[in-house]
């Protein structure tokens, strides 16, 4: 895994157990895989739009 992806992975795992009231990442984990997939798709679309 590249260094950037590894840092991102560890940041996400660390945020997983934070308070969902203050952490968007923790809130996504709390809401479940369907919500996480939807958010990932939204972000991917934004990346594609920005790349054009």
N, C-alpha and C. Protein backbone atom coordinates (compact mmCIF):
# COMPACT_ATOMS: atom_id res chain seq x y z
N UNK A 1 0.85 -1.18 0.00
CA UNK A 1 0.00 0.00 0.00
C UNK A 1 0.90 1.24 0.00
N UNK A 2 0.51 2.24 -0.78
CA UNK A 2 1.33 3.46 -0.81
C UNK A 2 1.26 4.16 0.54
N UNK A 3 2.24 4.99 0.79
CA UNK A 3 2.31 5.70 2.06
C UNK A 3 1.08 6.57 2.29
N UNK A 4 0.60 7.24 1.25
CA UNK A 4 -0.58 8.10 1.38
C UNK A 4 -1.82 7.28 1.74
N UNK A 5 -2.00 6.15 1.05
CA UNK A 5 -3.16 5.31 1.35
C UNK A 5 -3.06 4.71 2.74
N UNK A 6 -1.87 4.35 3.14
CA UNK A 6 -1.69 3.79 4.47
C UNK A 6 -2.01 4.82 5.55
N UNK A 7 -1.58 6.05 5.36
CA UNK A 7 -1.90 7.12 6.32
C UNK A 7 -3.40 7.36 6.36
N UNK A 8 -4.04 7.37 5.19
CA UNK A 8 -5.49 7.55 5.13
C UNK A 8 -6.21 6.42 5.85
N UNK A 9 -5.78 5.20 5.59
CA UNK A 9 -6.38 4.03 6.24
C UNK A 9 -6.31 4.15 7.76
N UNK A 10 -5.14 4.48 8.28
CA UNK A 10 -4.97 4.59 9.73
C UNK A 10 -5.79 5.74 10.30
N UNK A 11 -5.92 6.83 9.57
CA UNK A 11 -6.73 7.96 10.03
C UNK A 11 -8.21 7.56 10.10
N UNK A 12 -8.68 6.82 9.11
CA UNK A 12 -10.08 6.38 9.10
C UNK A 12 -10.34 5.42 10.25
N UNK A 13 -9.44 4.46 10.45
CA UNK A 13 -9.61 3.50 11.54
C UNK A 13 -9.58 4.21 12.90
N UNK A 14 -8.72 5.19 13.06
CA UNK A 14 -8.65 5.94 14.32
C UNK A 14 -9.93 6.73 14.55
N UNK A 15 -10.51 7.28 13.49
CA UNK A 15 -11.73 8.09 13.63
C UNK A 15 -12.97 7.24 13.85
N UNK A 16 -12.89 5.97 13.52
CA UNK A 16 -14.04 5.07 13.63
C UNK A 16 -14.64 5.06 15.03
N UNK A 17 -13.81 5.15 16.05
CA UNK A 17 -14.28 5.05 17.43
C UNK A 17 -14.51 6.40 18.11
N UNK A 18 -14.43 7.48 17.35
CA UNK A 18 -14.68 8.80 17.92
C UNK A 18 -16.18 9.03 18.10
N UNK A 19 -16.52 10.14 18.70
CA UNK A 19 -17.92 10.50 18.93
C UNK A 19 -18.58 10.86 17.60
N UNK A 20 -19.65 10.16 17.22
CA UNK A 20 -20.33 10.46 15.96
C UNK A 20 -20.90 11.89 15.91
N UNK A 21 -21.09 12.50 17.06
CA UNK A 21 -21.60 13.88 17.08
C UNK A 21 -20.55 14.87 16.59
N UNK A 22 -19.28 14.48 16.66
CA UNK A 22 -18.21 15.40 16.27
C UNK A 22 -17.34 14.88 15.13
N UNK A 23 -17.54 13.63 14.73
CA UNK A 23 -16.71 13.03 13.68
C UNK A 23 -17.59 12.52 12.54
N UNK A 24 -17.40 13.08 11.36
CA UNK A 24 -18.16 12.61 10.20
C UNK A 24 -17.85 11.15 9.88
N UNK A 25 -16.60 10.78 10.03
CA UNK A 25 -16.20 9.39 9.75
C UNK A 25 -16.88 8.43 10.71
N UNK A 26 -16.88 8.76 12.00
CA UNK A 26 -17.55 7.91 12.98
C UNK A 26 -19.05 7.82 12.69
N UNK A 27 -19.63 8.93 12.25
CA UNK A 27 -21.06 8.94 11.91
C UNK A 27 -21.34 8.02 10.72
N UNK A 28 -20.47 8.03 9.73
CA UNK A 28 -20.65 7.13 8.59
C UNK A 28 -20.55 5.67 9.01
N UNK A 29 -19.59 5.35 9.86
CA UNK A 29 -19.48 3.98 10.37
C UNK A 29 -20.74 3.60 11.14
N UNK A 30 -21.27 4.53 11.91
CA UNK A 30 -22.47 4.26 12.70
C UNK A 30 -23.68 4.00 11.80
N UNK A 31 -23.75 4.70 10.69
CA UNK A 31 -24.90 4.58 9.78
C UNK A 31 -24.86 3.34 8.90
N UNK A 32 -23.68 2.73 8.79
CA UNK A 32 -23.59 1.45 8.10
C UNK A 32 -23.04 1.50 6.69
N UNK A 33 -22.84 0.31 6.12
CA UNK A 33 -22.19 0.18 4.82
C UNK A 33 -22.94 0.87 3.67
N UNK A 34 -24.25 0.86 3.68
CA UNK A 34 -25.00 1.49 2.58
C UNK A 34 -24.74 2.99 2.54
N UNK A 35 -24.73 3.63 3.70
CA UNK A 35 -24.47 5.07 3.76
C UNK A 35 -23.03 5.36 3.37
N UNK A 36 -22.09 4.51 3.81
CA UNK A 36 -20.69 4.70 3.43
C UNK A 36 -20.51 4.56 1.92
N UNK A 37 -21.18 3.59 1.31
CA UNK A 37 -21.07 3.39 -0.14
C UNK A 37 -21.64 4.58 -0.89
N UNK A 38 -22.75 5.11 -0.41
CA UNK A 38 -23.35 6.29 -1.04
C UNK A 38 -22.40 7.48 -0.97
N UNK A 39 -21.80 7.69 0.18
CA UNK A 39 -20.86 8.80 0.36
C UNK A 39 -19.64 8.62 -0.53
N UNK A 40 -19.12 7.41 -0.63
CA UNK A 40 -17.98 7.13 -1.49
C UNK A 40 -18.32 7.43 -2.94
N UNK A 41 -19.51 7.04 -3.38
CA UNK A 41 -19.94 7.32 -4.75
C UNK A 41 -20.04 8.82 -4.99
N UNK A 42 -20.60 9.56 -4.04
CA UNK A 42 -20.70 11.01 -4.17
C UNK A 42 -19.32 11.65 -4.32
N UNK A 43 -18.39 11.21 -3.49
CA UNK A 43 -17.03 11.77 -3.54
C UNK A 43 -16.34 11.41 -4.85
N UNK A 44 -16.56 10.19 -5.34
CA UNK A 44 -15.96 9.76 -6.60
C UNK A 44 -16.48 10.61 -7.76
N UNK A 45 -17.76 10.91 -7.75
CA UNK A 45 -18.34 11.75 -8.79
C UNK A 45 -17.71 13.14 -8.76
N UNK A 46 -17.50 13.68 -7.57
CA UNK A 46 -16.87 15.00 -7.46
C UNK A 46 -15.45 14.98 -8.02
N UNK A 47 -14.71 13.91 -7.77
CA UNK A 47 -13.35 13.79 -8.30
C UNK A 47 -13.38 13.76 -9.83
N UNK A 48 -14.31 13.01 -10.39
CA UNK A 48 -14.42 12.92 -11.84
C UNK A 48 -14.77 14.28 -12.44
N UNK A 49 -15.72 14.97 -11.84
CA UNK A 49 -16.12 16.30 -12.33
C UNK A 49 -14.94 17.26 -12.26
N UNK A 50 -14.20 17.24 -11.17
CA UNK A 50 -13.04 18.13 -11.03
C UNK A 50 -11.94 17.80 -12.03
N UNK A 51 -11.86 16.54 -12.43
CA UNK A 51 -10.81 16.13 -13.36
C UNK A 51 -11.11 16.53 -14.80
N UNK A 52 -12.36 16.84 -15.07
CA UNK A 52 -12.75 17.18 -16.45
C UNK A 52 -12.50 18.64 -16.73
